[in-house]
């Protein structure tokens, strides 16, 4: 059996799909799919967490879901790190759409631009463990 340790606060309880504007890449994992035209699909059961110095509000959850999925695709090598700014900007857009105050969404985006790269870097992909 192979597994990774993953701390998440939330689990998606239904499939989710959205056109994101992050185009030109195809990716598919058991729970995430991205098509060339920018459609991101995330399956029931996906775990996500609006991490960092933030308060978990409804306006943060959808953006966090997409953001965590995109970072996972970057860590897995499906999307290059050069797309990091677009992914972080997408988080800001979604959070504002969902009612987050502009200032909060902009600060979150700016902080991710500064510290987010290591979380998306394939070098920091979680270690795959085995049992027994």
Protein backbone atom coordinates (compact mmCIF):
# COMPACT_ATOMS: atom_id res chain seq x y z
CA UNK A 1 0.00 0.00 0.00
CA UNK A 2 1.28 3.47 -0.87
CA UNK A 3 0.09 6.70 0.75
CA UNK A 4 1.08 10.23 1.69
CA UNK A 5 0.40 12.17 4.87
CA UNK A 6 -1.97 15.03 4.14
CA UNK A 7 -3.58 17.38 6.61
CA UNK A 8 -6.82 18.86 5.37
CA UNK A 9 -9.73 20.55 7.10
CA UNK A 10 -12.33 20.04 4.41
CA UNK A 11 -13.45 17.28 2.06
CA UNK A 12 -15.36 18.00 -1.12
CA UNK A 13 -18.80 16.37 -0.86
CA UNK A 14 -19.74 16.62 -4.53
CA UNK A 15 -17.91 16.88 -7.83
CA UNK A 16 -16.87 20.44 -8.74
CA UNK A 17 -16.07 21.91 -12.17
CA UNK A 18 -15.27 25.45 -13.29
CA UNK A 19 -13.71 27.24 -16.24
CA UNK A 20 -10.61 28.88 -14.77
CA UNK A 21 -8.77 30.76 -17.49
CA UNK A 22 -5.64 28.69 -16.76
CA UNK A 23 -5.28 27.29 -20.28
CA UNK A 24 -2.85 25.28 -22.35
CA UNK A 25 -2.34 22.35 -19.97
CA UNK A 26 -3.84 18.89 -19.67
CA UNK A 27 -3.66 16.96 -16.45
CA UNK A 28 -5.47 14.09 -14.83
CA UNK A 29 -5.06 12.51 -11.42
CA UNK A 30 -7.56 10.31 -9.62
CA UNK A 31 -9.32 13.39 -8.17
CA UNK A 32 -8.32 16.34 -10.40
CA UNK A 33 -8.65 16.97 -14.12
CA UNK A 34 -7.59 20.05 -16.08
CA UNK A 35 -8.35 20.39 -19.78
CA UNK A 36 -6.51 22.50 -22.38
CA UNK A 37 -9.34 25.04 -22.43
CA UNK A 38 -8.98 25.67 -18.67
CA UNK A 39 -11.77 23.54 -17.23
CA UNK A 40 -10.81 22.34 -13.76
CA UNK A 41 -12.76 19.36 -12.42
CA UNK A 42 -12.31 18.10 -8.87
CA UNK A 43 -13.96 14.92 -7.68
CA UNK A 44 -15.88 14.13 -4.54
CA UNK A 45 -13.54 13.28 -1.67
CA UNK A 46 -10.79 15.79 -2.48
CA UNK A 47 -9.28 17.24 0.70
CA UNK A 48 -8.36 20.94 0.88
CA UNK A 49 -7.41 23.55 3.42
CA UNK A 50 -7.34 27.36 3.30
CA UNK A 51 -3.95 27.33 5.02
CA UNK A 52 -1.74 30.13 6.18
CA UNK A 53 -2.59 33.15 8.25
CA UNK A 54 -6.24 33.26 7.27
CA UNK A 55 -9.69 32.83 8.69
CA UNK A 56 -11.83 30.09 7.19
CA UNK A 57 -14.82 31.92 5.78
CA UNK A 58 -17.21 30.81 3.06
CA UNK A 59 -15.63 33.40 0.76
CA UNK A 60 -12.28 31.60 1.09
CA UNK A 61 -13.37 28.01 0.49
CA UNK A 62 -13.96 27.77 -3.28
CA UNK A 63 -10.78 29.71 -4.02
CA UNK A 64 -8.85 27.50 -1.63
CA UNK A 65 -10.24 24.35 -3.25
CA UNK A 66 -9.12 25.42 -6.73
CA UNK A 67 -5.82 26.78 -5.45
CA UNK A 68 -4.91 23.57 -3.62
CA UNK A 69 -5.75 21.53 -6.73
CA UNK A 70 -3.63 23.77 -8.97
CA UNK A 71 -0.69 23.63 -6.54
CA UNK A 72 -0.98 19.84 -6.50
CA UNK A 73 -0.87 19.80 -10.31
CA UNK A 74 2.24 22.01 -10.22
CA UNK A 75 3.93 19.75 -7.65
CA UNK A 76 3.10 16.77 -9.89
CA UNK A 77 4.72 18.52 -12.89
CA UNK A 78 1.57 18.99 -14.99
CA UNK A 79 1.77 22.81 -14.82
CA UNK A 80 5.08 24.71 -14.76
CA UNK A 81 5.97 26.99 -11.84
CA UNK A 82 5.99 29.85 -14.32
CA UNK A 83 2.17 29.80 -14.03
CA UNK A 84 2.28 30.49 -10.28
CA UNK A 85 1.19 34.13 -10.58
CA UNK A 86 -1.82 33.15 -12.72
CA UNK A 87 -2.84 30.51 -10.19
CA UNK A 88 -2.48 32.93 -7.29
CA UNK A 89 -4.40 35.60 -9.21
CA UNK A 90 -7.17 33.05 -9.81
CA UNK A 91 -7.50 32.60 -6.04
CA UNK A 92 -7.96 36.35 -5.61
CA UNK A 93 -10.59 36.50 -8.36
CA UNK A 94 -12.62 33.59 -6.98
CA UNK A 95 -12.49 34.87 -3.41
CA UNK A 96 -13.72 38.30 -4.52
CA UNK A 97 -16.51 36.65 -6.58
CA UNK A 98 -17.55 34.82 -3.43
CA UNK A 99 -17.74 38.01 -1.37
CA UNK A 100 -14.32 38.35 0.20
CA UNK A 101 -13.29 41.93 0.91
CA UNK A 102 -11.00 43.21 -1.85
CA UNK A 103 -8.24 44.14 0.60
CA UNK A 104 -8.16 40.67 2.18
CA UNK A 105 -8.13 38.89 -1.19
CA UNK A 106 -5.36 41.14 -2.50
CA UNK A 107 -3.20 40.62 0.60
CA UNK A 108 -3.67 36.87 0.36
CA UNK A 109 -2.60 36.97 -3.30
CA UNK A 110 0.45 39.12 -2.52
CA UNK A 111 1.54 36.82 0.32
CA UNK A 112 1.24 33.78 -1.93
CA UNK A 113 3.35 35.52 -4.57
CA UNK A 114 6.06 35.85 -1.90
CA UNK A 115 5.88 32.51 -0.07
CA UNK A 116 3.77 30.18 -2.23
CA UNK A 117 6.42 28.96 -4.64
CA UNK A 118 7.88 26.37 -2.27
CA UNK A 119 4.45 24.77 -1.78
CA UNK A 120 3.97 24.39 -5.53
CA UNK A 121 7.53 23.30 -6.34
CA UNK A 122 7.84 19.67 -7.48
CA UNK A 123 10.92 19.38 -5.25
CA UNK A 124 8.57 19.64 -2.26
CA UNK A 125 6.16 16.93 -3.32
CA UNK A 126 5.08 14.86 -0.28
CA UNK A 127 7.02 11.69 0.31
CA UNK A 128 5.24 8.52 -0.74
CA UNK A 129 5.17 6.10 2.18
CA UNK A 130 4.41 2.39 2.23
CA UNK A 131 2.68 0.11 4.67
CA UNK A 132 3.29 -2.55 5.87
